[in-house]
């Protein structure tokens, strides 16, 4: 599962060959779904007393999927 560090926090994004997508934030599952072409997930967490919105977009690719992570609308990772 690819792990991305965003400040003091980690985001893990994984897509299986069967289309299951899992997003973890600091080890806790925040989103889970199923999609072959790629899904979009959004979740809100509190960081330093502020509400932060993360968006994780999976995109189809070969041999593995690719994803984009945005924090409050700003891209922090594109793979």
PDB file of N, CA and C in Angstrom:
ATOM      1  N   UNK A   1       0.862  -1.174   0.000  1.00  0.00           N
ATOM      2  CA  UNK A   1       0.000   0.000   0.000  1.00  0.00           C
ATOM      3  C   UNK A   1       0.903   1.231   0.000  1.00  0.00           C
ATOM      4  N   UNK A   2       0.845   2.061  -1.038  1.00  0.00           N
ATOM      5  CA  UNK A   2       1.668   3.275  -1.052  1.00  0.00           C
ATOM      6  C   UNK A   2       1.316   4.187   0.117  1.00  0.00           C
ATOM      7  N   UNK A   3       2.336   4.726   0.772  1.00  0.00           N
ATOM      8  CA  UNK A   3       2.143   5.610   1.914  1.00  0.00           C
ATOM      9  C   UNK A   3       2.713   6.981   1.585  1.00  0.00           C
ATOM     10  N   UNK A   4       1.913   8.004   1.833  1.00  0.00           N
ATOM     11  CA  UNK A   4       2.303   9.390   1.581  1.00  0.00           C
ATOM     12  C   UNK A   4       2.318  10.120   2.910  1.00  0.00           C
ATOM     13  N   UNK A   5       3.376  10.848   3.183  1.00  0.00           N
ATOM     14  CA  UNK A   5       3.450  11.670   4.388  1.00  0.00           C
ATOM     15  C   UNK A   5       2.974  13.079   4.063  1.00  0.00           C
ATOM     16  N   UNK A   6       2.043  13.559   4.874  1.00  0.00           N
ATOM     17  CA  UNK A   6       1.535  14.927   4.750  1.00  0.00           C
ATOM     18  C   UNK A   6       1.722  15.562   6.113  1.00  0.00           C
ATOM     19  N   UNK A   7       2.794  16.322   6.268  1.00  0.00           N
ATOM     20  CA  UNK A   7       3.118  16.870   7.578  1.00  0.00           C
ATOM     21  C   UNK A   7       3.424  15.730   8.535  1.00  0.00           C
ATOM     22  N   UNK A   8       2.739  15.715   9.675  1.00  0.00           N
ATOM     23  CA  UNK A   8       2.937  14.678  10.687  1.00  0.00           C
ATOM     24  C   UNK A   8       2.049  13.455  10.454  1.00  0.00           C
ATOM     25  N   UNK A   9       1.302  13.436   9.385  1.00  0.00           N
ATOM     26  CA  UNK A   9       0.300  12.401   9.151  1.00  0.00           C
ATOM     27  C   UNK A   9       0.643  11.564   7.924  1.00  0.00           C
ATOM     28  N   UNK A  10       0.063  10.360   7.867  1.00  0.00           N
ATOM     29  CA  UNK A  10       0.275   9.486   6.727  1.00  0.00           C
ATOM     30  C   UNK A  10      -1.060   9.115   6.096  1.00  0.00           C
ATOM     31  N   UNK A  11      -1.032   9.018   4.776  1.00  0.00           N
ATOM     32  CA  UNK A  11      -2.195   8.562   4.022  1.00  0.00           C
ATOM     33  C   UNK A  11      -1.739   7.376   3.188  1.00  0.00           C
ATOM     34  N   UNK A  12      -2.498   6.294   3.281  1.00  0.00           N
ATOM     35  CA  UNK A  12      -2.215   5.095   2.505  1.00  0.00           C
ATOM     36  C   UNK A  12      -3.357   4.889   1.515  1.00  0.00           C
ATOM     37  N   UNK A  13      -3.015   4.618   0.265  1.00  0.00           N
ATOM     38  CA  UNK A  13      -4.023   4.385  -0.770  1.00  0.00           C
ATOM     39  C   UNK A  13      -3.705   3.067  -1.464  1.00  0.00           C
ATOM     40  N   UNK A  14      -4.695   2.193  -1.508  1.00  0.00           N
ATOM     41  CA  UNK A  14      -4.476   0.872  -2.107  1.00  0.00           C
ATOM     42  C   UNK A  14      -5.659   0.495  -2.977  1.00  0.00           C
ATOM     43  N   UNK A  15      -5.352  -0.095  -4.123  1.00  0.00           N
ATOM     44  CA  UNK A  15      -6.382  -0.644  -4.992  1.00  0.00           C
ATOM     45  C   UNK A  15      -5.967  -2.063  -5.355  1.00  0.00           C
ATOM     46  N   UNK A  16      -6.862  -3.010  -5.126  1.00  0.00           N
ATOM     47  CA  UNK A  16      -6.555  -4.398  -5.442  1.00  0.00           C
ATOM     48  C   UNK A  16      -6.885  -4.695  -6.909  1.00  0.00           C
ATOM     49  N   UNK A  17      -6.432  -5.827  -7.382  1.00  0.00           N
ATOM     50  CA  UNK A  17      -6.735  -6.247  -8.749  1.00  0.00           C
ATOM     51  C   UNK A  17      -8.224  -6.448  -8.969  1.00  0.00           C
ATOM     52  N   UNK A  18      -8.976  -6.678  -7.889  1.00  0.00           N
ATOM     53  CA  UNK A  18     -10.410  -6.926  -7.982  1.00  0.00           C
ATOM     54  C   UNK A  18     -11.229  -5.651  -7.849  1.00  0.00           C
ATOM     55  N   UNK A  19     -10.564  -4.475  -7.780  1.00  0.00           N
ATOM     56  CA  UNK A  19     -11.271  -3.203  -7.770  1.00  0.00           C
ATOM     57  C   UNK A  19     -11.582  -2.626  -6.405  1.00  0.00           C
ATOM     58  N   UNK A  20     -11.169  -3.287  -5.334  1.00  0.00           N
ATOM     59  CA  UNK A  20     -11.396  -2.739  -4.003  1.00  0.00           C
ATOM     60  C   UNK A  20     -10.402  -1.615  -3.733  1.00  0.00           C
ATOM     61  N   UNK A  21     -10.899  -0.489  -3.277  1.00  0.00           N
ATOM     62  CA  UNK A  21     -10.063   0.679  -2.977  1.00  0.00           C
ATOM     63  C   UNK A  21     -10.163   0.979  -1.486  1.00  0.00           C
ATOM     64  N   UNK A  22      -9.011   1.216  -0.865  1.00  0.00           N
ATOM     65  CA  UNK A  22      -8.969   1.488   0.572  1.00  0.00           C
ATOM     66  C   UNK A  22      -8.093   2.710   0.807  1.00  0.00           C
ATOM     67  N   UNK A  23      -8.584   3.638   1.634  1.00  0.00           N
ATOM     68  CA  UNK A  23      -7.820   4.819   2.014  1.00  0.00           C
ATOM     69  C   UNK A  23      -7.700   4.829   3.538  1.00  0.00           C
ATOM     70  N   UNK A  24      -6.455   4.914   4.021  1.00  0.00           N
ATOM     71  CA  UNK A  24      -6.213   4.993   5.460  1.00  0.00           C
ATOM     72  C   UNK A  24      -5.529   6.309   5.795  1.00  0.00           C
ATOM     73  N   UNK A  25      -5.907   6.853   6.935  1.00  0.00           N
ATOM     74  CA  UNK A  25      -5.301   8.080   7.463  1.00  0.00           C
ATOM     75  C   UNK A  25      -4.746   7.728   8.830  1.00  0.00           C
ATOM     76  N   UNK A  26      -3.445   7.852   9.000  1.00  0.00           N
ATOM     77  CA  UNK A  26      -2.778   7.470  10.248  1.00  0.00           C
ATOM     78  C   UNK A  26      -3.193   6.070  10.701  1.00  0.00           C
ATOM     79  N   UNK A  27      -3.284   5.151   9.741  1.00  0.00           N
ATOM     80  CA  UNK A  27      -3.583   3.758  10.041  1.00  0.00           C
ATOM     81  C   UNK A  27      -5.048   3.403  10.179  1.00  0.00           C
ATOM     82  N   UNK A  28      -5.943   4.394  10.177  1.00  0.00           N
ATOM     83  CA  UNK A  28      -7.375   4.146  10.316  1.00  0.00           C
ATOM     84  C   UNK A  28      -8.049   4.231   8.954  1.00  0.00           C
ATOM     85  N   UNK A  29      -8.903   3.255   8.651  1.00  0.00           N
ATOM     86  CA  UNK A  29      -9.632   3.272   7.381  1.00  0.00           C
ATOM     87  C   UNK A  29     -10.609   4.445   7.382  1.00  0.00           C
ATOM     88  N   UNK A  30     -10.467   5.318   6.407  1.00  0.00           N
ATOM     89  CA  UNK A  30     -11.361   6.481   6.274  1.00  0.00           C
ATOM     90  C   UNK A  30     -12.306   6.335   5.099  1.00  0.00           C
ATOM     91  N   UNK A  31     -11.951   5.475   4.138  1.00  0.00           N
ATOM     92  CA  UNK A  31     -12.809   5.277   2.972  1.00  0.00           C
ATOM     93  C   UNK A  31     -12.514   3.909   2.381  1.00  0.00           C
ATOM     94  N   UNK A  32     -13.575   3.293   1.869  1.00  0.00           N
ATOM     95  CA  UNK A  32     -13.417   1.994   1.234  1.00  0.00           C
ATOM     96  C   UNK A  32     -14.519   1.860   0.200  1.00  0.00           C
ATOM     97  N   UNK A  33     -14.169   1.358  -0.960  1.00  0.00           N
ATOM     98  CA  UNK A  33     -15.165   1.198  -2.006  1.00  0.00           C
ATOM     99  C   UNK A  33     -14.688   0.230  -3.064  1.00  0.00           C
ATOM    100  N   UNK A  34     -15.426   0.199  -4.158  1.00  0.00           N
ATOM    101  CA  UNK A  34     -15.158  -0.741  -5.225  1.00  0.00           C
ATOM    102  C   UNK A  34     -15.367  -0.031  -6.555  1.00  0.00           C
ATOM    103  N   UNK A  35     -14.336  -0.070  -7.413  1.00  0.00           N
ATOM    104  CA  UNK A  35     -14.444   0.571  -8.713  1.00  0.00           C
ATOM    105  C   UNK A  35     -13.319   0.078  -9.609  1.00  0.00           C
ATOM    106  N   UNK A  36     -13.635  -0.248 -10.855  1.00  0.00           N
ATOM    107  CA  UNK A  36     -12.566  -0.612 -11.785  1.00  0.00           C
ATOM    108  C   UNK A  36     -11.970   0.611 -12.480  1.00  0.00           C
ATOM    109  N   UNK A  37     -12.793   1.565 -12.950  1.00  0.00           N
ATOM    110  CA  UNK A  37     -12.176   2.714 -13.614  1.00  0.00           C
ATOM    111  C   UNK A  37     -11.522   3.689 -12.636  1.00  0.00           C
ATOM    112  N   UNK A  38     -11.897   3.650 -11.378  1.00  0.00           N
ATOM    113  CA  UNK A  38     -11.322   4.554 -10.375  1.00  0.00           C
ATOM    114  C   UNK A  38     -12.396   5.300  -9.630  1.00  0.00           C
ATOM    115  N   UNK A  39     -12.253   5.368  -8.335  1.00  0.00           N
ATOM    116  CA  UNK A  39     -13.248   6.029  -7.496  1.00  0.00           C
ATOM    117  C   UNK A  39     -12.714   7.320  -6.899  1.00  0.00           C
ATOM    118  N   UNK A  40     -13.611   8.043  -6.246  1.00  0.00           N
ATOM    119  CA  UNK A  40     -13.293   9.323  -5.610  1.00  0.00           C
ATOM    120  C   UNK A  40     -13.801   9.250  -4.175  1.00  0.00           C
ATOM    121  N   UNK A  41     -12.934   9.592  -3.228  1.00  0.00           N
ATOM    122  CA  UNK A  41     -13.288   9.534  -1.818  1.00  0.00           C
ATOM    123  C   UNK A  41     -12.911  10.836  -1.135  1.00  0.00           C
ATOM    124  N   UNK A  42     -13.725  11.239  -0.191  1.00  0.00           N
ATOM    125  CA  UNK A  42     -13.488  12.472   0.555  1.00  0.00           C
ATOM    126  C   UNK A  42     -13.741  12.184   2.028  1.00  0.00           C
ATOM    127  N   UNK A  43     -12.882  12.741   2.879  1.00  0.00           N
ATOM    128  CA  UNK A  43     -13.084  12.596   4.314  1.00  0.00           C
ATOM    129  C   UNK A  43     -12.531  13.830   5.019  1.00  0.00           C
ATOM    130  N   UNK A  44     -13.052  14.090   6.220  1.00  0.00           N
ATOM    131  CA  UNK A  44     -12.664  15.259   6.994  1.00  0.00           C
ATOM    132  C   UNK A  44     -12.019  14.784   8.288  1.00  0.00           C
ATOM    133  N   UNK A  45     -10.889  15.397   8.639  1.00  0.00           N
ATOM    134  CA  UNK A  45     -10.189  15.102   9.878  1.00  0.00           C
ATOM    135  C   UNK A  45      -9.846  16.414  10.576  1.00  0.00           C
ATOM    136  N   UNK A  46      -9.488  16.324  11.839  1.00  0.00           N
ATOM    137  CA  UNK A  46      -9.056  17.507  12.572  1.00  0.00           C
ATOM    138  C   UNK A  46      -7.539  17.454  12.733  1.00  0.00           C
ATOM    139  N   UNK A  47      -6.889  18.507  12.276  1.00  0.00           N
ATOM    140  CA  UNK A  47      -5.446  18.648  12.409  1.00  0.00           C
ATOM    141  C   UNK A  47      -5.163  19.999  13.049  1.00  0.00           C
ATOM    142  N   UNK A  48      -4.477  19.997  14.156  1.00  0.00           N
ATOM    143  CA  UNK A  48      -4.129  21.242  14.860  1.00  0.00           C
ATOM    144  C   UNK A  48      -5.353  22.133  15.063  1.00  0.00           C
ATOM    145  N   UNK A  49      -6.436  21.538  15.533  1.00  0.00           N
ATOM    146  CA  UNK A  49      -7.699  22.228  15.838  1.00  0.00           C
ATOM    147  C   UNK A  49      -8.380  22.826  14.612  1.00  0.00           C
ATOM    148  N   UNK A  50      -8.073  22.327  13.413  1.00  0.00           N
ATOM    149  CA  UNK A  50      -8.715  22.794  12.180  1.00  0.00           C
ATOM    150  C   UNK A  50      -9.324  21.602  11.442  1.00  0.00           C
ATOM    151  N   UNK A  51     -10.480  21.833  10.822  1.00  0.00           N
ATOM    152  CA  UNK A  51     -11.108  20.812   9.996  1.00  0.00           C
ATOM    153  C   UNK A  51     -10.406  20.789   8.633  1.00  0.00           C
ATOM    154  N   UNK A  52      -9.875  19.637   8.269  1.00  0.00           N
ATOM    155  CA  UNK A  52      -9.145  19.483   7.011  1.00  0.00           C
ATOM    156  C   UNK A  52      -9.876  18.456   6.155  1.00  0.00           C
ATOM    157  N   UNK A  53     -10.104  18.791   4.896  1.00  0.00           N
ATOM    158  CA  UNK A  53     -10.765  17.892   3.959  1.00  0.00           C
ATOM    159  C   UNK A  53      -9.735  17.282   3.030  1.00  0.00           C
ATOM    160  N   UNK A  54      -9.714  15.967   2.982  1.00  0.00           N
ATOM    161  CA  UNK A  54      -8.851  15.238   2.059  1.00  0.00           C
ATOM    162  C   UNK A  54      -9.708  14.620   0.967  1.00  0.00           C
ATOM    163  N   UNK A  55      -9.186  14.641  -0.245  1.00  0.00           N
ATOM    164  CA  UNK A  55      -9.827  13.994  -1.383  1.00  0.00           C
ATOM    165  C   UNK A  55      -8.811  13.034  -1.982  1.00  0.00           C
ATOM    166  N   UNK A  56      -9.233  11.807  -2.220  1.00  0.00           N
ATOM    167  CA  UNK A  56      -8.366  10.812  -2.836  1.00  0.00           C
ATOM    168  C   UNK A  56      -9.080  10.303  -4.082  1.00  0.00           C
ATOM    169  N   UNK A  57      -8.424  10.463  -5.226  1.00  0.00           N
ATOM    170  CA  UNK A  57      -8.997  10.053  -6.501  1.00  0.00           C
ATOM    171  C   UNK A  57      -8.128   8.951  -7.106  1.00  0.00           C
ATOM    172  N   UNK A  58      -8.709   7.776  -7.271  1.00  0.00           N
ATOM    173  CA  UNK A  58      -8.019   6.662  -7.915  1.00  0.00           C
ATOM    174  C   UNK A  58      -8.256   6.744  -9.415  1.00  0.00           C
ATOM    175  N   UNK A  59      -7.225   6.434 -10.191  1.00  0.00           N
ATOM    176  CA  UNK A  59      -7.328   6.432 -11.640  1.00  0.00           C
ATOM    177  C   UNK A  59      -6.825   5.095 -12.155  1.00  0.00           C
ATOM    178  N   UNK A  60      -7.489   4.578 -13.155  1.00  0.00           N
ATOM    179  CA  UNK A  60      -7.097   3.294 -13.729  1.00  0.00           C
ATOM    180  C   UNK A  60      -5.724   3.419 -14.369  1.00  0.00           C
ATOM    181  N   UNK A  61      -4.957   2.356 -14.287  1.00  0.00           N
ATOM    182  CA  UNK A  61      -3.632   2.325 -14.898  1.00  0.00           C
ATOM    183  C   UNK A  61      -3.109   0.909 -14.944  1.00  0.00           C
ATOM    184  N   UNK A  62      -2.076   0.715 -15.693  1.00  0.00           N
ATOM    185  CA  UNK A  62      -1.477  -0.618 -15.786  1.00  0.00           C
ATOM    186  C   UNK A  62       0.009  -0.495 -15.559  1.00  0.00           C
ATOM    187  N   UNK A  63       0.642  -1.292 -14.754  1.00  0.00           N
ATOM    188  CA  UNK A  63       0.121  -2.489 -14.104  1.00  0.00           C
ATOM    189  C   UNK A  63      -0.555  -2.204 -12.774  1.00  0.00           C
ATOM    190  N   UNK A  64      -0.503  -0.976 -12.294  1.00  0.00           N
ATOM    191  CA  UNK A  64      -1.159  -0.658 -11.028  1.00  0.00           C
ATOM    192  C   UNK A  64      -1.967   0.621 -11.200  1.00  0.00           C
ATOM    193  N   UNK A  65      -2.794   0.912 -10.202  1.00  0.00           N
ATOM    194  CA  UNK A  65      -3.595   2.132 -10.278  1.00  0.00           C
ATOM    195  C   UNK A  65      -2.759   3.335  -9.862  1.00  0.00           C
ATOM    196  N   UNK A  66      -3.232   4.470 -10.216  1.00  0.00           N
ATOM    197  CA  UNK A  66      -2.599   5.740  -9.859  1.00  0.00           C
ATOM    198  C   UNK A  66      -3.603   6.514  -9.017  1.00  0.00           C
ATOM    199  N   UNK A  67      -3.111   7.491  -8.264  1.00  0.00           N
ATOM    200  CA  UNK A  67      -4.037   8.259  -7.449  1.00  0.00           C
ATOM    201  C   UNK A  67      -3.547   9.681  -7.274  1.00  0.00           C
ATOM    202  N   UNK A  68      -4.490  10.548  -6.932  1.00  0.00           N
ATOM    203  CA  UNK A  68      -4.226  11.956  -6.628  1.00  0.00           C
ATOM    204  C   UNK A  68      -4.784  12.210  -5.243  1.00  0.00           C
ATOM    205  N   UNK A  69      -4.004  12.893  -4.414  1.00  0.00           N
ATOM    206  CA  UNK A  69      -4.461  13.260  -3.072  1.00  0.00           C
ATOM    207  C   UNK A  69      -4.451  14.777  -2.969  1.00  0.00           C
ATOM    208  N   UNK A  70      -5.575  15.337  -2.509  1.00  0.00           N
ATOM    209  CA  UNK A  70      -5.687  16.777  -2.298  1.00  0.00           C
ATOM    210  C   UNK A  70      -6.003  17.042  -0.828  1.00  0.00           C
ATOM    211  N   UNK A  71      -5.405  18.082  -0.301  1.00  0.00           N
ATOM    212  CA  UNK A  71      -5.661  18.527   1.071  1.00  0.00           C
ATOM    213  C   UNK A  71      -6.254  19.920   0.974  1.00  0.00           C
ATOM    214  N   UNK A  72      -7.505  20.072   1.392  1.00  0.00           N
ATOM    215  CA  UNK A  72      -8.233  21.339   1.241  1.00  0.00           C
ATOM    216  C   UNK A  72      -8.146  21.873  -0.176  1.00  0.00           C
ATOM    217  N   UNK A  73      -8.278  20.961  -1.153  1.00  0.00           N
ATOM    218  CA  UNK A  73      -8.305  21.343  -2.560  1.00  0.00           C
ATOM    219  C   UNK A  73      -6.948  21.512  -3.235  1.00  0.00           C
ATOM    220  N   UNK A  74      -5.873  21.406  -2.459  1.00  0.00           N
ATOM    221  CA  UNK A  74      -4.524  21.576  -3.016  1.00  0.00           C
ATOM    222  C   UNK A  74      -3.884  20.202  -3.158  1.00  0.00           C
ATOM    223  N   UNK A  75      -3.391  19.892  -4.349  1.00  0.00           N
ATOM    224  CA  UNK A  75      -2.787  18.591  -4.596  1.00  0.00           C
ATOM    225  C   UNK A  75      -1.508  18.442  -3.781  1.00  0.00           C
ATOM    226  N   UNK A  76      -1.426  17.347  -3.018  1.00  0.00           N
ATOM    227  CA  UNK A  76      -0.219  17.051  -2.243  1.00  0.00           C
ATOM    228  C   UNK A  76       0.513  15.844  -2.803  1.00  0.00           C
ATOM    229  N   UNK A  77      -0.175  15.082  -3.663  1.00  0.00           N
ATOM    230  CA  UNK A  77       0.460  13.917  -4.265  1.00  0.00           C
ATOM    231  C   UNK A  77      -0.290  13.524  -5.525  1.00  0.00           C
ATOM    232  N   UNK A  78       0.462  13.240  -6.546  1.00  0.00           N
ATOM    233  CA  UNK A  78      -0.100  12.677  -7.768  1.00  0.00           C
ATOM    234  C   UNK A  78       0.832  11.574  -8.227  1.00  0.00           C
ATOM    235  N   UNK A  79       0.315  10.374  -8.303  1.00  0.00           N
ATOM    236  CA  UNK A  79       1.155   9.229  -8.652  1.00  0.00           C
ATOM    237  C   UNK A  79       0.586   8.483  -9.812  1.00  0.00           C
TER     238      UNK A  79
END
